[in-house]
PDB file of N, CA and C in Angstrom:
ATOM      1  N   GLY A   1       8.044 -19.655  15.946  1.00  0.00           N
ATOM      2  CA  GLY A   1       7.992 -18.723  17.147  1.00  0.00           C
ATOM      3  C   GLY A   1       7.200 -17.713  15.689  1.00  0.00           C
ATOM      4  N   TYR A   2       6.875 -16.717  16.110  1.00  0.00           N
ATOM      5  CA  TYR A   2       6.486 -15.280  15.417  1.00  0.00           C
ATOM      6  C   TYR A   2       7.387 -14.659  14.822  1.00  0.00           C
ATOM      7  N   GLU A   3       8.030 -14.549  13.611  1.00  0.00           N
ATOM      8  CA  GLU A   3       8.481 -14.110  13.391  1.00  0.00           C
ATOM      9  C   GLU A   3       8.424 -12.820  11.658  1.00  0.00           C
ATOM     10  N   GLU A   4       8.280 -11.019  12.114  1.00  0.00           N
ATOM     11  CA  GLU A   4       7.780  -9.938  11.551  1.00  0.00           C
ATOM     12  C   GLU A   4       8.319 -10.517  10.077  1.00  0.00           C
ATOM     13  N   MET A   5       8.022  -9.931   8.985  1.00  0.00           N
ATOM     14  CA  MET A   5       8.697 -10.111   7.663  1.00  0.00           C
ATOM     15  C   MET A   5       8.721  -8.351   7.564  1.00  0.00           C
ATOM     16  N   SER A   6       9.993  -8.153   6.521  1.00  0.00           N
ATOM     17  CA  SER A   6      10.232  -7.011   6.295  1.00  0.00           C
ATOM     18  C   SER A   6      10.208  -6.481   5.251  1.00  0.00           C
ATOM     19  N   LYS A   7       9.488  -7.795   3.810  1.00  0.00           N
ATOM     20  CA  LYS A   7       9.248  -7.327   2.381  1.00  0.00           C
ATOM     21  C   LYS A   7       8.077  -8.295   2.093  1.00  0.00           C
ATOM     22  N   LEU A   8       7.029  -8.134   1.501  1.00  0.00           N
ATOM     23  CA  LEU A   8       5.994  -8.766   1.498  1.00  0.00           C
ATOM     24  C   LEU A   8       6.722  -9.702   0.280  1.00  0.00           C
ATOM     25  N   PRO A   9       6.349 -11.418  -0.620  1.00  0.00           N
ATOM     26  CA  PRO A   9       7.154 -12.080  -1.609  1.00  0.00           C
ATOM     27  C   PRO A   9       6.146 -11.347  -1.970  1.00  0.00           C
ATOM     28  N   GLY A  10       6.896 -11.481  -3.307  1.00  0.00           N
ATOM     29  CA  GLY A  10       6.657 -11.001  -4.749  1.00  0.00           C
ATOM     30  C   GLY A  10       4.928 -11.593  -5.417  1.00  0.00           C
ATOM     31  N   GLU A  11       5.108 -13.136  -4.700  1.00  0.00           N
ATOM     32  CA  GLU A  11       3.440 -13.770  -5.161  1.00  0.00           C
ATOM     33  C   GLU A  11       2.349 -12.537  -5.047  1.00  0.00           C
ATOM     34  N   VAL A  12       1.930 -11.674  -4.182  1.00  0.00           N
ATOM     35  CA  VAL A  12       1.380 -10.934  -3.268  1.00  0.00           C
ATOM     36  C   VAL A  12       0.463 -10.693  -5.028  1.00  0.00           C
ATOM     37  N   GLY A  13       1.406 -10.371  -6.284  1.00  0.00           N
ATOM     38  CA  GLY A  13       0.443 -10.354  -6.942  1.00  0.00           C
ATOM     39  C   GLY A  13      -0.431 -11.029  -7.848  1.00  0.00           C
ATOM     40  N   GLU A  14      -0.237 -12.584  -7.695  1.00  0.00           N
ATOM     41  CA  GLU A  14      -0.569 -13.197  -7.963  1.00  0.00           C
ATOM     42  C   GLU A  14      -2.342 -13.335  -7.674  1.00  0.00           C
ATOM     43  N   MET A  15      -2.528 -13.004  -6.263  1.00  0.00           N
ATOM     44  CA  MET A  15      -3.833 -13.029  -5.497  1.00  0.00           C
ATOM     45  C   MET A  15      -4.495 -11.667  -6.676  1.00  0.00           C
ATOM     46  N   ASN A  16      -5.000 -12.210  -7.604  1.00  0.00           N
ATOM     47  CA  ASN A  16      -5.930 -11.193  -8.040  1.00  0.00           C
ATOM     48  C   ASN A  16      -7.360 -11.210  -8.517  1.00  0.00           C
ATOM     49  N   LYS A  17      -7.373 -12.285  -7.712  1.00  0.00           N
ATOM     50  CA  LYS A  17      -9.368 -12.334  -7.355  1.00  0.00           C
ATOM     51  C   LYS A  17      -9.427 -11.415  -6.268  1.00  0.00           C
ATOM     52  N   ILE A  18      -8.494 -10.813  -5.528  1.00  0.00           N
ATOM     53  CA  ILE A  18      -9.220 -10.564  -4.210  1.00  0.00           C
ATOM     54  C   ILE A  18      -9.351  -8.682  -4.206  1.00  0.00           C
ATOM     55  N   TYR A  19     -10.764  -8.770  -3.325  1.00  0.00           N
ATOM     56  CA  TYR A  19     -10.887  -7.402  -3.076  1.00  0.00           C
ATOM     57  C   TYR A  19     -10.472  -6.557  -1.914  1.00  0.00           C
ATOM     58  N   ARG A  20      -9.858  -6.953  -1.511  1.00  0.00           N
ATOM     59  CA  ARG A  20      -9.735  -6.455   0.142  1.00  0.00           C
ATOM     60  C   ARG A  20      -8.785  -7.428   0.340  1.00  0.00           C
ATOM     61  N   PHE A  21      -7.048  -6.444   0.749  1.00  0.00           N
ATOM     62  CA  PHE A  21      -6.167  -6.679   1.203  1.00  0.00           C
ATOM     63  C   PHE A  21      -5.465  -5.884   2.297  1.00  0.00           C
ATOM     64  N   SER A  22      -5.063  -6.678   3.724  1.00  0.00           N
ATOM     65  CA  SER A  22      -4.934  -6.433   4.811  1.00  0.00           C
ATOM     66  C   SER A  22      -3.467  -7.104   5.073  1.00  0.00           C
ATOM     67  N   VAL A  23      -2.536  -5.366   5.640  1.00  0.00           N
ATOM     68  CA  VAL A  23      -1.056  -6.114   5.523  1.00  0.00           C
ATOM     69  C   VAL A  23      -1.107  -5.521   6.906  1.00  0.00           C
ATOM     70  N   ASP A  24      -1.737  -5.237   8.488  1.00  0.00           N
ATOM     71  CA  ASP A  24      -0.972  -4.200   8.940  1.00  0.00           C
ATOM     72  C   ASP A  24      -0.715  -4.983  10.708  1.00  0.00           C
ATOM     73  N   ASN A  25       0.054  -3.684  10.894  1.00  0.00           N
ATOM     74  CA  ASN A  25       0.577  -4.438  12.280  1.00  0.00           C
ATOM     75  C   ASN A  25       1.905  -5.260  12.132  1.00  0.00           C
ATOM     76  N   ASN A  26       2.600  -4.849  11.365  1.00  0.00           N
ATOM     77  CA  ASN A  26       3.880  -5.502  11.290  1.00  0.00           C
ATOM     78  C   ASN A  26       4.395  -4.833  11.519  1.00  0.00           C
ATOM     79  N   TYR A  27       4.811  -4.193  12.218  1.00  0.00           N
ATOM     80  CA  TYR A  27       6.173  -3.449  12.795  1.00  0.00           C
ATOM     81  C   TYR A  27       7.227  -3.730  11.866  1.00  0.00           C
ATOM     82  N   GLY A  28       7.398  -4.535  11.445  1.00  0.00           N
ATOM     83  CA  GLY A  28       8.811  -4.397  10.590  1.00  0.00           C
ATOM     84  C   GLY A  28       8.870  -5.001   9.306  1.00  0.00           C
ATOM     85  N   LEU A  29       7.565  -4.420   8.372  1.00  0.00           N
ATOM     86  CA  LEU A  29       7.007  -4.727   7.310  1.00  0.00           C
ATOM     87  C   LEU A  29       7.365  -3.410   7.038  1.00  0.00           C
ATOM     88  N   ARG A  30       8.644  -2.721   5.752  1.00  0.00           N
ATOM     89  CA  ARG A  30       9.387  -2.155   4.970  1.00  0.00           C
ATOM     90  C   ARG A  30       9.673  -1.275   3.497  1.00  0.00           C
ATOM     91  N   TRP A  31       8.834  -2.839   3.479  1.00  0.00           N
ATOM     92  CA  TRP A  31       8.674  -3.260   1.439  1.00  0.00           C
ATOM     93  C   TRP A  31       7.555  -3.519   1.136  1.00  0.00           C
ATOM     94  N   LEU A  32       6.869  -2.894  -0.187  1.00  0.00           N
ATOM     95  CA  LEU A  32       6.163  -3.669  -0.727  1.00  0.00           C
ATOM     96  C   LEU A  32       6.780  -3.754  -2.100  1.00  0.00           C
ATOM     97  N   PRO A  33       6.318  -4.726  -2.441  1.00  0.00           N
ATOM     98  CA  PRO A  33       6.417  -5.715  -4.006  1.00  0.00           C
ATOM     99  C   PRO A  33       6.390  -4.872  -5.104  1.00  0.00           C
ATOM    100  N   ASP A  34       6.864  -4.623  -6.114  1.00  0.00           N
ATOM    101  CA  ASP A  34       6.450  -4.132  -7.013  1.00  0.00           C
ATOM    102  C   ASP A  34       5.137  -4.551  -8.030  1.00  0.00           C
ATOM    103  N   THR A  35       5.348  -6.074  -7.725  1.00  0.00           N
ATOM    104  CA  THR A  35       3.808  -6.940  -8.104  1.00  0.00           C
ATOM    105  C   THR A  35       2.762  -7.159  -7.390  1.00  0.00           C
ATOM    106  N   LEU A  36       2.286  -5.655  -6.863  1.00  0.00           N
ATOM    107  CA  LEU A  36       1.901  -5.020  -6.013  1.00  0.00           C
ATOM    108  C   LEU A  36       0.937  -4.496  -7.130  1.00  0.00           C
ATOM    109  N   GLY A  37       0.854  -4.062  -8.190  1.00  0.00           N
ATOM    110  CA  GLY A  37       0.395  -3.332  -9.276  1.00  0.00           C
ATOM    111  C   GLY A  37      -0.671  -4.442 -10.369  1.00  0.00           C
ATOM    112  N   MET A  38       0.054  -5.727  -9.838  1.00  0.00           N
ATOM    113  CA  MET A  38      -0.888  -6.809 -10.571  1.00  0.00           C
ATOM    114  C   MET A  38      -2.326  -7.123  -9.760  1.00  0.00           C
ATOM    115  N   LEU A  39      -2.633  -6.227  -8.858  1.00  0.00           N
ATOM    116  CA  LEU A  39      -3.910  -6.278  -8.648  1.00  0.00           C
ATOM    117  C   LEU A  39      -4.581  -5.319  -8.994  1.00  0.00           C
ATOM    118  N   ALA A  40      -4.145  -5.484 -10.401  1.00  0.00           N
ATOM    119  CA  ALA A  40      -5.076  -3.959 -10.436  1.00  0.00           C
ATOM    120  C   ALA A  40      -6.610  -4.364 -11.473  1.00  0.00           C
ATOM    121  N   GLU A  41      -7.120  -5.328 -10.900  1.00  0.00           N
ATOM    122  CA  GLU A  41      -8.147  -5.638 -12.103  1.00  0.00           C
ATOM    123  C   GLU A  41      -9.297  -5.979 -10.935  1.00  0.00           C
ATOM    124  N   ARG A  42      -8.923  -6.009  -9.713  1.00  0.00           N
ATOM    125  CA  ARG A  42     -10.405  -6.155  -8.485  1.00  0.00           C
ATOM    126  C   ARG A  42     -10.034  -4.674  -6.984  1.00  0.00           C
ATOM    127  N   LEU A  43      -9.179  -4.913  -6.908  1.00  0.00           N
ATOM    128  CA  LEU A  43      -8.736  -4.453  -5.249  1.00  0.00           C
ATOM    129  C   LEU A  43      -9.458  -3.340  -5.298  1.00  0.00           C
ATOM    130  N   GLU A  44      -9.949  -3.071  -4.373  1.00  0.00           N
ATOM    131  CA  GLU A  44     -10.765  -1.369  -4.020  1.00  0.00           C
ATOM    132  C   GLU A  44     -10.310  -1.227  -2.438  1.00  0.00           C
ATOM    133  N   GLU A  45      -9.879  -2.350  -1.542  1.00  0.00           N
ATOM    134  CA  GLU A  45      -9.516  -2.325  -0.233  1.00  0.00           C
ATOM    135  C   GLU A  45      -7.978  -2.407  -0.154  1.00  0.00           C
ATOM    136  N   LEU A  46      -7.452  -1.918   0.485  1.00  0.00           N
ATOM    137  CA  LEU A  46      -6.223  -2.144   0.501  1.00  0.00           C
ATOM    138  C   LEU A  46      -5.491  -0.855   2.111  1.00  0.00           C
ATOM    139  N   VAL A  47      -4.948  -1.806   2.961  1.00  0.00           N
ATOM    140  CA  VAL A  47      -4.694  -1.283   4.375  1.00  0.00           C
ATOM    141  C   VAL A  47      -3.715  -2.532   4.345  1.00  0.00           C
ATOM    142  N   LEU A  48      -2.499  -0.987   5.042  1.00  0.00           N
ATOM    143  CA  LEU A  48      -1.548  -0.689   5.426  1.00  0.00           C
ATOM    144  C   LEU A  48      -0.755  -0.199   5.975  1.00  0.00           C
ATOM    145  N   SER A  49      -1.971   0.006   7.823  1.00  0.00           N
ATOM    146  CA  SER A  49      -1.129   0.771   8.676  1.00  0.00           C
ATOM    147  C   SER A  49      -0.452   0.064   9.627  1.00  0.00           C
ATOM    148  N   TYR A  50      -0.009   0.823  10.856  1.00  0.00           N
ATOM    149  CA  TYR A  50       0.950   0.812  11.583  1.00  0.00           C
ATOM    150  C   TYR A  50       1.827  -0.571  10.915  1.00  0.00           C
ATOM    151  N   ASN A  51       2.372  -0.493   9.985  1.00  0.00           N
ATOM    152  CA  ASN A  51       4.143  -1.308   9.546  1.00  0.00           C
ATOM    153  C   ASN A  51       4.963   0.037  10.264  1.00  0.00           C
ATOM    154  N   ALA A  52       6.023  -0.563   9.266  1.00  0.00           N
ATOM    155  CA  ALA A  52       7.287   0.597   9.379  1.00  0.00           C
ATOM    156  C   ALA A  52       7.992   0.800   7.397  1.00  0.00           C
ATOM    157  N   LEU A  53       6.878   0.625   7.057  1.00  0.00           N
ATOM    158  CA  LEU A  53       7.051   1.002   5.011  1.00  0.00           C
ATOM    159  C   LEU A  53       7.585   2.297   5.057  1.00  0.00           C
ATOM    160  N   GLN A  54       8.592   2.406   4.103  1.00  0.00           N
ATOM    161  CA  GLN A  54       9.248   3.519   3.937  1.00  0.00           C
ATOM    162  C   GLN A  54       8.591   3.911   2.581  1.00  0.00           C
ATOM    163  N   GLU A  55       8.274   3.673   2.549  1.00  0.00           N
ATOM    164  CA  GLU A  55       8.195   4.091   0.592  1.00  0.00           C
ATOM    165  C   GLU A  55       6.993   3.121  -0.024  1.00  0.00           C
ATOM    166  N   LEU A  56       6.030   3.448  -0.949  1.00  0.00           N
ATOM    167  CA  LEU A  56       4.999   2.433  -1.406  1.00  0.00           C
ATOM    168  C   LEU A  56       5.695   2.499  -2.789  1.00  0.00           C
ATOM    169  N   PRO A  57       5.562   1.306  -4.068  1.00  0.00           N
ATOM    170  CA  PRO A  57       5.987   1.447  -5.197  1.00  0.00           C
ATOM    171  C   PRO A  57       4.586   1.768  -5.791  1.00  0.00           C
ATOM    172  N   LYS A  58       5.818   2.673  -6.987  1.00  0.00           N
ATOM    173  CA  LYS A  58       5.110   4.058  -8.061  1.00  0.00           C
ATOM    174  C   LYS A  58       3.439   3.123  -8.939  1.00  0.00           C
ATOM    175  N   GLU A  59       3.882   1.736  -8.570  1.00  0.00           N
ATOM    176  CA  GLU A  59       3.011   0.393  -9.300  1.00  0.00           C
ATOM    177  C   GLU A  59       1.682   0.174  -7.993  1.00  0.00           C
ATOM    178  N   ILE A  60       1.759   0.934  -6.846  1.00  0.00           N
ATOM    179  CA  ILE A  60       0.896   1.352  -6.467  1.00  0.00           C
ATOM    180  C   ILE A  60      -0.445   1.826  -7.237  1.00  0.00           C
ATOM    181  N   CYS A  61      -0.281   3.232  -8.277  1.00  0.00           N
ATOM    182  CA  CYS A  61      -1.035   4.062  -8.703  1.00  0.00           C
ATOM    183  C   CYS A  61      -1.940   3.075 -10.228  1.00  0.00           C
ATOM    184  N   GLN A  62      -1.179   1.822  -9.717  1.00  0.00           N
ATOM    185  CA  GLN A  62      -1.901   1.346 -11.083  1.00  0.00           C
ATOM    186  C   GLN A  62      -3.378   0.810 -10.872  1.00  0.00           C
ATOM    187  N   LEU A  63      -3.951   0.840  -9.723  1.00  0.00           N
ATOM    188  CA  LEU A  63      -5.050   0.248  -9.376  1.00  0.00           C
ATOM    189  C   LEU A  63      -5.802   1.021  -8.819  1.00  0.00           C
ATOM    190  N   ARG A  64      -6.499   0.558 -10.464  1.00  0.00           N
ATOM    191  CA  ARG A  64      -7.071   1.777 -10.684  1.00  0.00           C
ATOM    192  C   ARG A  64      -8.570   1.567  -9.715  1.00  0.00           C
ATOM    193  N   TYR A  65      -9.336   0.321  -9.685  1.00  0.00           N
ATOM    194  CA  TYR A  65     -10.666   0.358  -8.988  1.00  0.00           C
ATOM    195  C   TYR A  65      -9.938   0.669  -7.157  1.00  0.00           C
ATOM    196  N   LEU A  66      -9.022   0.931  -6.915  1.00  0.00           N
ATOM    197  CA  LEU A  66      -8.964   1.225  -5.403  1.00  0.00           C
ATOM    198  C   LEU A  66      -9.627   2.231  -4.852  1.00  0.00           C
ATOM    199  N   GLN A  67     -10.813   2.036  -4.219  1.00  0.00           N
ATOM    200  CA  GLN A  67     -11.466   3.422  -3.211  1.00  0.00           C
ATOM    201  C   GLN A  67     -10.560   3.269  -1.888  1.00  0.00           C
ATOM    202  N   LYS A  68     -10.164   2.539  -1.143  1.00  0.00           N
ATOM    203  CA  LYS A  68      -9.739   3.004  -0.177  1.00  0.00           C
ATOM    204  C   LYS A  68      -8.067   2.675   0.474  1.00  0.00           C
ATOM    205  N   LEU A  69      -7.688   3.250   0.592  1.00  0.00           N
ATOM    206  CA  LEU A  69      -5.917   3.550   0.531  1.00  0.00           C
ATOM    207  C   LEU A  69      -5.387   4.049   2.038  1.00  0.00           C
ATOM    208  N   ASP A  70      -5.272   2.968   3.132  1.00  0.00           N
ATOM    209  CA  ASP A  70      -4.709   3.140   4.594  1.00  0.00           C
ATOM    210  C   ASP A  70      -3.293   3.088   4.938  1.00  0.00           C
ATOM    211  N   CYS A  71      -2.514   3.683   4.384  1.00  0.00           N
ATOM    212  CA  CYS A  71      -1.065   3.730   5.406  1.00  0.00           C
ATOM    213  C   CYS A  71      -0.463   4.330   6.269  1.00  0.00           C
ATOM    214  N   SER A  72      -2.123   5.188   7.644  1.00  0.00           N
ATOM    215  CA  SER A  72      -1.478   5.119   8.021  1.00  0.00           C
ATOM    216  C   SER A  72      -0.115   4.745   8.995  1.00  0.00           C
ATOM    217  N   ASN A  73       0.316   5.501  10.170  1.00  0.00           N
ATOM    218  CA  ASN A  73       1.291   5.058  10.921  1.00  0.00           C
ATOM    219  C   ASN A  73       2.161   4.348  10.648  1.00  0.00           C
ATOM    220  N   ASN A  74       3.187   4.484   9.578  1.00  0.00           N
ATOM    221  CA  ASN A  74       4.449   3.985   8.893  1.00  0.00           C
ATOM    222  C   ASN A  74       5.442   5.220   9.162  1.00  0.00           C
ATOM    223  N   GLN A  75       6.073   5.273   8.447  1.00  0.00           N
ATOM    224  CA  GLN A  75       7.452   5.778   8.063  1.00  0.00           C
ATOM    225  C   GLN A  75       7.552   6.431   6.500  1.00  0.00           C
ATOM    226  N   LEU A  76       6.517   6.848   6.192  1.00  0.00           N
ATOM    227  CA  LEU A  76       6.442   7.146   4.830  1.00  0.00           C
ATOM    228  C   LEU A  76       6.844   8.766   4.965  1.00  0.00           C
ATOM    229  N   ALA A  77       7.287   8.896   3.680  1.00  0.00           N
ATOM    230  CA  ALA A  77       8.458  10.424   4.028  1.00  0.00           C
ATOM    231  C   ALA A  77       7.319  11.090   2.998  1.00  0.00           C
ATOM    232  N   PHE A  78       7.270   9.710   1.499  1.00  0.00           N
ATOM    233  CA  PHE A  78       6.489  10.912   0.452  1.00  0.00           C
ATOM    234  C   PHE A  78       5.459   9.681  -0.176  1.00  0.00           C
ATOM    235  N   LEU A  79       4.585  10.757  -0.498  1.00  0.00           N
ATOM    236  CA  LEU A  79       4.012   9.659  -2.316  1.00  0.00           C
ATOM    237  C   LEU A  79       4.263   9.703  -3.120  1.00  0.00           C
ATOM    238  N   PRO A  80       4.034   8.150  -3.714  1.00  0.00           N
ATOM    239  CA  PRO A  80       3.931   8.303  -5.391  1.00  0.00           C
ATOM    240  C   PRO A  80       3.744   9.439  -6.108  1.00  0.00           C
ATOM    241  N   GLN A  81       4.113   9.653  -7.266  1.00  0.00           N
ATOM    242  CA  GLN A  81       3.750  10.854  -8.022  1.00  0.00           C
ATOM    243  C   GLN A  81       2.275  10.835  -8.680  1.00  0.00           C
ATOM    244  N   ASP A  82       2.584   9.579  -9.222  1.00  0.00           N
ATOM    245  CA  ASP A  82       1.230   9.236  -9.914  1.00  0.00           C
ATOM    246  C   ASP A  82      -0.445   9.081  -9.259  1.00  0.00           C
ATOM    247  N   LEU A  83       0.082   9.473  -7.369  1.00  0.00           N
ATOM    248  CA  LEU A  83      -1.665   8.940  -6.619  1.00  0.00           C
ATOM    249  C   LEU A  83      -3.016   9.140  -7.305  1.00  0.00           C
ATOM    250  N   ASP A  84      -2.335  10.307  -8.611  1.00  0.00           N
ATOM    251  CA  ASP A  84      -3.893  10.969  -9.270  1.00  0.00           C
ATOM    252  C   ASP A  84      -4.217  10.339  -9.599  1.00  0.00           C
ATOM    253  N   ASN A  85      -3.739   9.109 -10.600  1.00  0.00           N
ATOM    254  CA  ASN A  85      -4.274   8.036 -10.917  1.00  0.00           C
ATOM    255  C   ASN A  85      -5.007   7.140 -10.864  1.00  0.00           C
ATOM    256  N   LEU A  86      -5.257   7.264  -9.118  1.00  0.00           N
ATOM    257  CA  LEU A  86      -6.207   6.453  -8.376  1.00  0.00           C
ATOM    258  C   LEU A  86      -7.790   7.035  -8.685  1.00  0.00           C
ATOM    259  N   VAL A  87      -7.861   7.225  -9.533  1.00  0.00           N
ATOM    260  CA  VAL A  87      -9.639   7.647 -10.212  1.00  0.00           C
ATOM    261  C   VAL A  87     -10.444   7.686  -9.270  1.00  0.00           C
ATOM    262  N   ALA A  88     -10.813   6.370  -8.373  1.00  0.00           N
ATOM    263  CA  ALA A  88     -11.758   5.590  -7.552  1.00  0.00           C
ATOM    264  C   ALA A  88     -11.410   5.689  -6.546  1.00  0.00           C
ATOM    265  N   LEU A  89     -10.351   6.576  -5.703  1.00  0.00           N
ATOM    266  CA  LEU A  89     -10.227   6.235  -4.604  1.00  0.00           C
ATOM    267  C   LEU A  89     -10.669   7.716  -4.226  1.00  0.00           C
ATOM    268  N   GLU A  90     -11.286   7.019  -2.832  1.00  0.00           N
ATOM    269  CA  GLU A  90     -12.041   8.227  -1.870  1.00  0.00           C
ATOM    270  C   GLU A  90     -12.271   8.175  -0.339  1.00  0.00           C
ATOM    271  N   GLU A  91     -10.804   7.488   0.064  1.00  0.00           N
ATOM    272  CA  GLU A  91      -9.952   7.384   1.102  1.00  0.00           C
ATOM    273  C   GLU A  91      -8.910   6.940   0.818  1.00  0.00           C
ATOM    274  N   LEU A  92      -7.900   8.230   1.863  1.00  0.00           N
ATOM    275  CA  LEU A  92      -6.921   8.694   1.850  1.00  0.00           C
ATOM    276  C   LEU A  92      -6.214   8.557   3.123  1.00  0.00           C
ATOM    277  N   ASN A  93      -5.679   7.511   3.740  1.00  0.00           N
ATOM    278  CA  ASN A  93      -5.053   7.772   5.555  1.00  0.00           C
ATOM    279  C   ASN A  93      -3.778   7.749   4.929  1.00  0.00           C
ATOM    280  N   ILE A  94      -2.871   9.407   5.671  1.00  0.00           N
ATOM    281  CA  ILE A  94      -1.176   8.654   5.967  1.00  0.00           C
ATOM    282  C   ILE A  94      -1.371   9.495   7.105  1.00  0.00           C
ATOM    283  N   ASP A  95      -2.141   9.570   8.419  1.00  0.00           N
ATOM    284  CA  ASP A  95      -1.942   9.934   9.159  1.00  0.00           C
ATOM    285  C   ASP A  95      -0.886   9.447  10.181  1.00  0.00           C
ATOM    286  N   ASN A  96       0.404  10.342  10.695  1.00  0.00           N
ATOM    287  CA  ASN A  96       1.621   9.434  11.276  1.00  0.00           C
ATOM    288  C   ASN A  96       2.033   8.996  10.314  1.00  0.00           C
ATOM    289  N   ASN A  97       2.452   9.437   9.678  1.00  0.00           N
ATOM    290  CA  ASN A  97       4.112   8.892   8.641  1.00  0.00           C
ATOM    291  C   ASN A  97       4.833  11.123   9.209  1.00  0.00           C
ATOM    292  N   TYR A  98       5.651  11.222   8.036  1.00  0.00           N
ATOM    293  CA  TYR A  98       6.547  11.878   7.505  1.00  0.00           C
ATOM    294  C   TYR A  98       6.008  12.720   7.183  1.00  0.00           C
ATOM    295  N   ILE A  99       5.466  12.900   6.225  1.00  0.00           N
ATOM    296  CA  ILE A  99       4.822  12.757   4.925  1.00  0.00           C
ATOM    297  C   ILE A  99       4.432  14.982   4.826  1.00  0.00           C
ATOM    298  N   SER A 100       5.158  15.929   4.122  1.00  0.00           N
ATOM    299  CA  SER A 100       4.899  17.451   3.976  1.00  0.00           C
ATOM    300  C   SER A 100       5.001  17.836   2.804  1.00  0.00           C
ATOM    301  N   ALA A 101       4.843  17.055   2.021  1.00  0.00           N
ATOM    302  CA  ALA A 101       3.776  17.462   0.537  1.00  0.00           C
ATOM    303  C   ALA A 101       2.997  16.378   0.250  1.00  0.00           C
ATOM    304  N   PHE A 102       2.256  16.917  -0.458  1.00  0.00           N
ATOM    305  CA  PHE A 102       1.339  15.919  -1.276  1.00  0.00           C
ATOM    306  C   PHE A 102       1.668  15.939  -2.920  1.00  0.00           C
ATOM    307  N   PRO A 103       1.875  14.742  -3.418  1.00  0.00           N
ATOM    308  CA  PRO A 103       2.392  15.013  -4.740  1.00  0.00           C
ATOM    309  C   PRO A 103       1.016  15.920  -6.163  1.00  0.00           C
TER     310      PRO A 103
END
């Protein structure tokens, strides 16, 4: 049967050849592994919409080639402080979260 994940496995960081990573529509997903920062060499698009994420790991700010980040429709209350390190970021979607201030 189908089971929802509450956290992605740390091995996600080993997928260092991908340009686009999408983990959406998994309402049980609450946490992302710190190893997400290991995708810094290539990742350009990260889609995390329609999950139950409560926070983004600070390591997400190491994704220097990231152009699109979609974390809409989650349970985020804040964003990582170093979000301005994402110098290639062109599109950020944080709609339908609980974020009251931008870092």
